[in-house]
Amino acid sequence: MALQDLKDLLRRHRFRFGSEVELQDGIAAVLTKAGLSFKREAVVVGGVIDFLVGSVGVEVKVDGSTAKLIRQVYAYAEDEKVGSILIVTVRARHGGAVCEARGKRVDVLYLTESCL
């Protein structure tokens, strides 16, 4: 699945959550319902990314600094398995974090009306 297709799929859903884990559970449910193959807590270069959907890495952020997020994205982008990265966040400050990392596209899905 392409980065934009995944972003569009997730954008069409309202997620109700009170924690990052609950948001991740909601994303997993959407991916499962769509019949997509994915790996949760995928081990990649630089750490563990929340989801790997094909070659799209998905990092979910409910809190945390932009600097830490940027370090994570650049580390994950070193992995050959990761072709692009989608950041799913509720923090406006993460919106402009980075648009490319190590030559790989990075996009942000900002959830404004989905949380509790």
N, C-alpha and C. Protein backbone atom coordinates (compact mmCIF):
# COMPACT_ATOMS: atom_id res chain seq x y z
N MET A 1 0.85 -1.18 0.00
CA MET A 1 0.00 0.00 0.00
C MET A 1 0.89 1.24 0.00
N ALA A 2 0.51 2.21 -0.79
CA ALA A 2 1.26 3.46 -0.89
C ALA A 2 0.98 4.35 0.33
N LEU A 3 1.92 5.20 0.62
CA LEU A 3 1.82 6.11 1.77
C LEU A 3 0.52 6.92 1.72
N GLN A 4 0.21 7.54 0.59
CA GLN A 4 -0.98 8.37 0.50
C GLN A 4 -2.25 7.54 0.67
N ASP A 5 -2.28 6.33 0.13
CA ASP A 5 -3.45 5.46 0.28
C ASP A 5 -3.68 5.10 1.75
N LEU A 6 -2.61 4.82 2.44
CA LEU A 6 -2.71 4.50 3.87
C LEU A 6 -3.19 5.71 4.66
N LYS A 7 -2.64 6.86 4.35
CA LYS A 7 -3.06 8.10 5.02
C LYS A 7 -4.55 8.34 4.78
N ASP A 8 -5.01 8.17 3.55
CA ASP A 8 -6.42 8.36 3.22
C ASP A 8 -7.31 7.36 3.95
N LEU A 9 -6.87 6.12 4.05
CA LEU A 9 -7.63 5.09 4.76
C LEU A 9 -7.81 5.48 6.23
N LEU A 10 -6.73 5.87 6.87
CA LEU A 10 -6.80 6.22 8.29
C LEU A 10 -7.56 7.53 8.52
N ARG A 11 -7.46 8.45 7.58
CA ARG A 11 -8.15 9.73 7.70
C ARG A 11 -9.68 9.56 7.72
N ARG A 12 -10.17 8.54 7.06
CA ARG A 12 -11.62 8.31 6.97
C ARG A 12 -12.22 7.77 8.27
N HIS A 13 -11.41 7.47 9.25
CA HIS A 13 -11.91 6.88 10.50
C HIS A 13 -11.80 7.85 11.66
N ARG A 14 -12.74 7.73 12.56
CA ARG A 14 -12.68 8.47 13.82
C ARG A 14 -12.16 7.51 14.88
N PHE A 15 -11.13 7.90 15.52
CA PHE A 15 -10.53 7.07 16.56
C PHE A 15 -10.90 7.63 17.92
N ARG A 16 -11.35 6.75 18.79
CA ARG A 16 -11.66 7.14 20.17
C ARG A 16 -10.61 6.47 21.06
N PHE A 17 -9.87 7.30 21.77
CA PHE A 17 -8.78 6.75 22.57
C PHE A 17 -8.43 7.69 23.70
N GLY A 18 -7.81 7.14 24.70
CA GLY A 18 -7.33 7.92 25.83
C GLY A 18 -5.84 7.78 26.02
N SER A 19 -5.21 6.92 25.20
CA SER A 19 -3.77 6.70 25.31
C SER A 19 -3.22 6.33 23.94
N GLU A 20 -1.91 6.34 23.84
CA GLU A 20 -1.26 5.97 22.58
C GLU A 20 -1.54 4.51 22.23
N VAL A 21 -1.55 3.65 23.22
CA VAL A 21 -1.83 2.23 22.97
C VAL A 21 -3.23 2.04 22.43
N GLU A 22 -4.21 2.77 22.97
CA GLU A 22 -5.58 2.66 22.46
C GLU A 22 -5.68 3.17 21.03
N LEU A 23 -4.94 4.22 20.69
CA LEU A 23 -4.91 4.70 19.31
C LEU A 23 -4.28 3.65 18.41
N GLN A 24 -3.19 3.05 18.86
CA GLN A 24 -2.56 1.97 18.08
C GLN A 24 -3.53 0.81 17.88
N ASP A 25 -4.29 0.46 18.91
CA ASP A 25 -5.29 -0.61 18.78
C ASP A 25 -6.33 -0.24 17.74
N GLY A 26 -6.76 1.01 17.72
CA GLY A 26 -7.73 1.46 16.73
C GLY A 26 -7.18 1.40 15.32
N ILE A 27 -5.93 1.79 15.15
CA ILE A 27 -5.29 1.71 13.84
C ILE A 27 -5.18 0.26 13.39
N ALA A 28 -4.78 -0.62 14.30
CA ALA A 28 -4.69 -2.05 13.98
C ALA A 28 -6.04 -2.59 13.53
N ALA A 29 -7.11 -2.15 14.19
CA ALA A 29 -8.46 -2.61 13.82
C ALA A 29 -8.83 -2.14 12.41
N VAL A 30 -8.49 -0.91 12.08
CA VAL A 30 -8.78 -0.39 10.74
C VAL A 30 -7.99 -1.17 9.68
N LEU A 31 -6.72 -1.41 9.95
CA LEU A 31 -5.88 -2.15 8.99
C LEU A 31 -6.40 -3.57 8.80
N THR A 32 -6.80 -4.20 9.90
CA THR A 32 -7.33 -5.56 9.84
C THR A 32 -8.63 -5.59 9.04
N LYS A 33 -9.52 -4.66 9.33
CA LYS A 33 -10.81 -4.60 8.64
C LYS A 33 -10.62 -4.37 7.14
N ALA A 34 -9.59 -3.61 6.77
CA ALA A 34 -9.29 -3.34 5.37
C ALA A 34 -8.60 -4.52 4.69
N GLY A 35 -8.27 -5.55 5.48
CA GLY A 35 -7.62 -6.73 4.92
C GLY A 35 -6.14 -6.55 4.60
N LEU A 36 -5.53 -5.58 5.26
CA LEU A 36 -4.12 -5.30 5.01
C LEU A 36 -3.22 -6.13 5.92
N SER A 37 -2.13 -6.56 5.35
CA SER A 37 -1.12 -7.27 6.12
C SER A 37 -0.20 -6.22 6.74
N PHE A 38 0.07 -6.36 8.03
CA PHE A 38 0.93 -5.41 8.70
C PHE A 38 1.62 -6.09 9.87
N LYS A 39 2.69 -5.45 10.30
CA LYS A 39 3.40 -5.92 11.48
C LYS A 39 3.37 -4.80 12.51
N ARG A 40 2.95 -5.14 13.71
CA ARG A 40 2.91 -4.17 14.80
C ARG A 40 4.19 -4.29 15.61
N GLU A 41 4.70 -3.15 16.08
CA GLU A 41 5.96 -3.13 16.83
C GLU A 41 7.06 -3.80 16.02
N ALA A 42 7.23 -3.32 14.80
CA ALA A 42 8.22 -3.89 13.88
C ALA A 42 9.62 -3.42 14.24
N VAL A 43 10.52 -4.37 14.35
CA VAL A 43 11.92 -4.04 14.64
C VAL A 43 12.57 -3.59 13.34
N VAL A 44 13.09 -2.37 13.36
CA VAL A 44 13.80 -1.81 12.22
C VAL A 44 15.09 -1.19 12.72
N VAL A 45 15.95 -0.80 11.78
CA VAL A 45 17.17 -0.10 12.17
C VAL A 45 16.75 1.13 12.98
N GLY A 46 17.38 1.33 14.09
CA GLY A 46 17.08 2.50 14.91
C GLY A 46 16.03 2.27 15.98
N GLY A 47 15.42 1.09 16.02
CA GLY A 47 14.45 0.84 17.08
C GLY A 47 13.26 0.03 16.65
N VAL A 48 12.12 0.37 17.22
CA VAL A 48 10.88 -0.35 16.96
C VAL A 48 9.84 0.67 16.50
N ILE A 49 9.36 0.52 15.27
CA ILE A 49 8.34 1.42 14.74
C ILE A 49 6.98 0.80 15.03
N ASP A 50 5.98 1.63 15.26
CA ASP A 50 4.68 1.14 15.70
C ASP A 50 4.04 0.16 14.72
N PHE A 51 4.11 0.46 13.43
CA PHE A 51 3.54 -0.43 12.41
C PHE A 51 4.44 -0.42 11.18
N LEU A 52 4.44 -1.54 10.48
CA LEU A 52 5.04 -1.61 9.16
C LEU A 52 3.96 -2.22 8.27
N VAL A 53 3.45 -1.40 7.36
CA VAL A 53 2.39 -1.81 6.43
C VAL A 53 3.03 -1.84 5.05
N GLY A 54 3.40 -3.04 4.61
CA GLY A 54 4.22 -3.13 3.40
C GLY A 54 5.54 -2.45 3.69
N SER A 55 5.85 -1.42 2.90
CA SER A 55 7.10 -0.68 3.13
C SER A 55 6.84 0.67 3.82
N VAL A 56 5.60 0.90 4.24
CA VAL A 56 5.27 2.15 4.93
C VAL A 56 5.39 1.94 6.44
N GLY A 57 6.27 2.69 7.05
CA GLY A 57 6.38 2.68 8.50
C GLY A 57 5.41 3.68 9.07
N VAL A 58 4.73 3.31 10.14
CA VAL A 58 3.77 4.20 10.79
C VAL A 58 4.21 4.41 12.24
N GLU A 59 4.45 5.66 12.58
CA GLU A 59 4.83 6.03 13.95
C GLU A 59 3.67 6.82 14.55
N VAL A 60 3.15 6.35 15.68
CA VAL A 60 2.01 6.96 16.35
C VAL A 60 2.52 7.80 17.52
N LYS A 61 2.07 9.05 17.58
CA LYS A 61 2.51 9.94 18.66
C LYS A 61 1.32 10.66 19.26
N VAL A 62 1.13 10.46 20.56
CA VAL A 62 0.11 11.19 21.31
C VAL A 62 0.78 12.30 22.12
N ASP A 63 2.04 12.11 22.42
CA ASP A 63 2.79 13.09 23.19
C ASP A 63 4.25 13.00 22.79
N GLY A 64 5.07 13.80 23.38
CA GLY A 64 6.50 13.73 23.12
C GLY A 64 6.99 14.93 22.34
N SER A 65 8.28 15.12 22.40
CA SER A 65 8.88 16.29 21.76
C SER A 65 9.06 16.07 20.26
N THR A 66 9.06 17.17 19.54
CA THR A 66 9.30 17.11 18.10
C THR A 66 10.72 16.65 17.83
N ALA A 67 11.67 17.08 18.64
CA ALA A 67 13.07 16.69 18.45
C ALA A 67 13.23 15.17 18.55
N LYS A 68 12.58 14.56 19.53
CA LYS A 68 12.66 13.11 19.69
C LYS A 68 12.01 12.41 18.50
N LEU A 69 10.89 12.92 18.04
CA LEU A 69 10.21 12.35 16.89
C LEU A 69 11.10 12.40 15.65
N ILE A 70 11.74 13.52 15.43
CA ILE A 70 12.63 13.66 14.27
C ILE A 70 13.78 12.68 14.35
N ARG A 71 14.37 12.50 15.54
CA ARG A 71 15.45 11.52 15.70
C ARG A 71 14.96 10.11 15.36
N GLN A 72 13.75 9.78 15.83
CA GLN A 72 13.19 8.45 15.54
C GLN A 72 12.99 8.27 14.05
N VAL A 73 12.39 9.24 13.40
CA VAL A 73 12.09 9.14 11.97
C VAL A 73 13.38 8.95 11.18
N TYR A 74 14.40 9.73 11.48
CA TYR A 74 15.66 9.58 10.75
C TYR A 74 16.31 8.23 11.00
N ALA A 75 16.19 7.72 12.21
CA ALA A 75 16.74 6.40 12.51
C ALA A 75 15.98 5.32 11.75
N TYR A 76 14.64 5.37 11.76
CA TYR A 76 13.84 4.37 11.05
C TYR A 76 14.09 4.41 9.55
N ALA A 77 14.34 5.59 9.02
CA ALA A 77 14.55 5.75 7.58
C ALA A 77 15.83 5.07 7.10
N GLU A 78 16.71 4.71 8.01
CA GLU A 78 17.93 4.00 7.63
C GLU A 78 17.64 2.56 7.20
N ASP A 79 16.51 2.01 7.61
CA ASP A 79 16.20 0.61 7.32
C ASP A 79 15.71 0.44 5.89
N GLU A 80 16.22 -0.56 5.19
CA GLU A 80 15.83 -0.85 3.81
C GLU A 80 14.36 -1.24 3.70
N LYS A 81 13.81 -1.83 4.76
CA LYS A 81 12.40 -2.25 4.74
C LYS A 81 11.44 -1.07 4.75
N VAL A 82 11.92 0.07 5.21
CA VAL A 82 11.08 1.26 5.33
C VAL A 82 11.28 2.13 4.09
N GLY A 83 10.23 2.20 3.27
CA GLY A 83 10.30 3.00 2.04
C GLY A 83 9.78 4.41 2.24
N SER A 84 8.88 4.59 3.20
CA SER A 84 8.32 5.89 3.55
C SER A 84 7.76 5.79 4.96
N ILE A 85 7.45 6.95 5.54
CA ILE A 85 7.00 6.96 6.94
C ILE A 85 5.77 7.87 7.06
N LEU A 86 4.77 7.37 7.77
CA LEU A 86 3.59 8.15 8.10
C LEU A 86 3.58 8.36 9.61
N ILE A 87 3.54 9.60 10.02
CA ILE A 87 3.42 9.95 11.44
C ILE A 87 1.95 10.22 11.70
N VAL A 88 1.37 9.48 12.63
CA VAL A 88 -0.02 9.72 13.05
C VAL A 88 0.05 10.36 14.42
N THR A 89 -0.48 11.59 14.52
CA THR A 89 -0.31 12.36 15.75
C THR A 89 -1.54 13.18 16.09
N VAL A 90 -1.65 13.56 17.33
CA VAL A 90 -2.67 14.49 17.79
C VAL A 90 -2.04 15.82 18.18
N ARG A 91 -0.76 15.94 18.02
CA ARG A 91 -0.03 17.15 18.39
C ARG A 91 0.25 18.00 17.16
N ALA A 92 -0.28 19.21 17.14
CA ALA A 92 -0.08 20.11 16.00
C ALA A 92 1.41 20.39 15.77
N ARG A 93 2.17 20.42 16.84
CA ARG A 93 3.60 20.71 16.69
C ARG A 93 4.35 19.64 15.91
N HIS A 94 3.79 18.44 15.82
CA HIS A 94 4.42 17.38 15.04
C HIS A 94 4.12 17.52 13.56
N GLY A 95 3.16 18.35 13.22
CA GLY A 95 2.70 18.48 11.83
C GLY A 95 3.76 18.85 10.83
N GLY A 96 4.66 19.70 11.17
CA GLY A 96 5.70 20.12 10.25
C GLY A 96 7.05 19.56 10.60
N ALA A 97 7.07 18.44 11.28
CA ALA A 97 8.33 17.89 11.80
C ALA A 97 9.37 17.68 10.71
N VAL A 98 9.00 16.97 9.67
CA VAL A 98 9.96 16.65 8.61
C VAL A 98 9.17 16.11 7.42
N CYS A 99 9.59 16.42 6.20
CA CYS A 99 8.88 15.91 5.03
C CYS A 99 9.70 14.90 4.25
N GLU A 100 10.96 14.76 4.62
CA GLU A 100 11.83 13.77 4.00
C GLU A 100 12.93 13.39 4.99
N ALA A 101 13.27 12.11 4.99
CA ALA A 101 14.35 11.65 5.85
C ALA A 101 15.18 10.63 5.07
N ARG A 102 16.42 10.93 4.90
CA ARG A 102 17.34 10.04 4.19
C ARG A 102 16.80 9.66 2.81
N GLY A 103 16.19 10.64 2.14
CA GLY A 103 15.66 10.43 0.80
C GLY A 103 14.32 9.73 0.74
N LYS A 104 13.72 9.48 1.89
CA LYS A 104 12.42 8.80 1.95
C LYS A 104 11.34 9.79 2.36
N ARG A 105 10.18 9.67 1.73
CA ARG A 105 9.08 10.58 2.02
C ARG A 105 8.53 10.34 3.42
N VAL A 106 8.23 11.45 4.10
CA VAL A 106 7.61 11.41 5.42
C VAL A 106 6.37 12.30 5.35
N ASP A 107 5.25 11.77 5.81
CA ASP A 107 4.01 12.54 5.81
C ASP A 107 3.39 12.46 7.20
N VAL A 108 2.48 13.37 7.49
CA VAL A 108 1.87 13.45 8.81
C VAL A 108 0.35 13.42 8.67
N LEU A 109 -0.29 12.58 9.47
CA LEU A 109 -1.74 12.58 9.60
C LEU A 109 -2.03 13.15 10.97
N TYR A 110 -2.59 14.35 10.98
CA TYR A 110 -2.90 15.04 12.21
C TYR A 110 -4.37 14.78 12.55
N LEU A 111 -4.61 14.07 13.63
CA LEU A 111 -5.97 13.74 14.06
C LEU A 111 -6.48 14.85 14.96
N THR A 112 -7.41 15.64 14.45
CA THR A 112 -7.89 16.79 15.22
C THR A 112 -9.21 16.52 15.94
N GLU A 113 -10.05 15.69 15.38
CA GLU A 113 -11.38 15.51 15.94
C GLU A 113 -11.65 14.08 16.38
N SER A 114 -10.62 13.29 16.52
CA SER A 114 -10.81 11.87 16.74
C SER A 114 -10.62 11.41 18.16
N CYS A 115 -10.02 12.22 19.00
CA CYS A 115 -9.67 11.72 20.32
C CYS A 115 -10.71 12.09 21.37
N LEU A 116 -10.64 11.41 22.48
CA LEU A 116 -11.54 11.72 23.61
C LEU A 116 -10.98 12.86 24.41
